[in-house]
């Protein structure tokens, strides 16, 4: 019959009276058996009960039992309890052979699998949190949609801002979806200082200024060996960053893209970002910015739209 002790403390006390090196190792291990999750930098204790039959190790294996009901914040489930009980009798676990001492190996095996089990539970928790955050983010995006930017509705200045000399602004055909309208514009720039007056010039147009998001924009400009870049959501988070990413993946430099969005009263959800990117891409194609232009040449004109030039 297996000599099952009442508590782990009793087991440690009994083993400490025995000089067997294997058993001394057992007592030390049970005194501090942490299950550590490296990602969370936390240490959690597990309590194991070791049953040693009188015939161990000559003809019977030992038995391990997990006494902990929780590891960290997670309740121990039946599969983990069963796995620990079958430590010395399951394939792929710890091999026991008659006459061989194996308790310490079993404790190490159990500890490793408890760490793995804990990591899986933490990963599941993180995945659930990310899913909830994603759903919350989508809800927030829908809630914010239709809220005009701080620039929207401003009265244009009495004297319209001048477009910087030599700038050609290309305007693509509007994209219309459920009464919302998206218009993309693009122009070549040679210096970051040109961006503010171009945007001011656009805001001088009453039709643009009354849009919910008049000047969602992104730009990249290479001056010498330095690449300057910036973007503005204009109240349509995170549209500006998406336009900047579009310029990055298209590897387009020395260009400013601006998208004007007129809100039609119907929420479009994520579709609005698809239309904003498409409106910008249409303007880039119309202006020939996706070609490889000759030095000093704006590029080949494509598609439908129009160009405004100030010289």
Foldseek 3Di string as FASTA:
>chain_A
DWDWDDALVVLLVVLVVDPPPLSPLVSVCQVFQWQDAVVVRDTWGWHKTKIDRPQPPQPDDIFIATPDQDTPPHGDDPVLRVCRRCQDPDPPHWDHDGPDDCVNVSSVRNSVVVNVVVVVVVVVVVVVVVVVVVVVVLVVLLVLPPQAFPQAPDAADPDAQDQPAFKKKWKFDWDDDPQKIKIKIKIFAADPVNPVSNVSNQCNDPVLRNASQRWFKKAWHDDPNDIDIDTDRRSNPPLRVVLNVVCVVLVFHRMMMTMTMHDRPDGPRPVVSVSNNVNHVRNCQQQQRSPDDDVPDSHDGDDDTDMDHHD
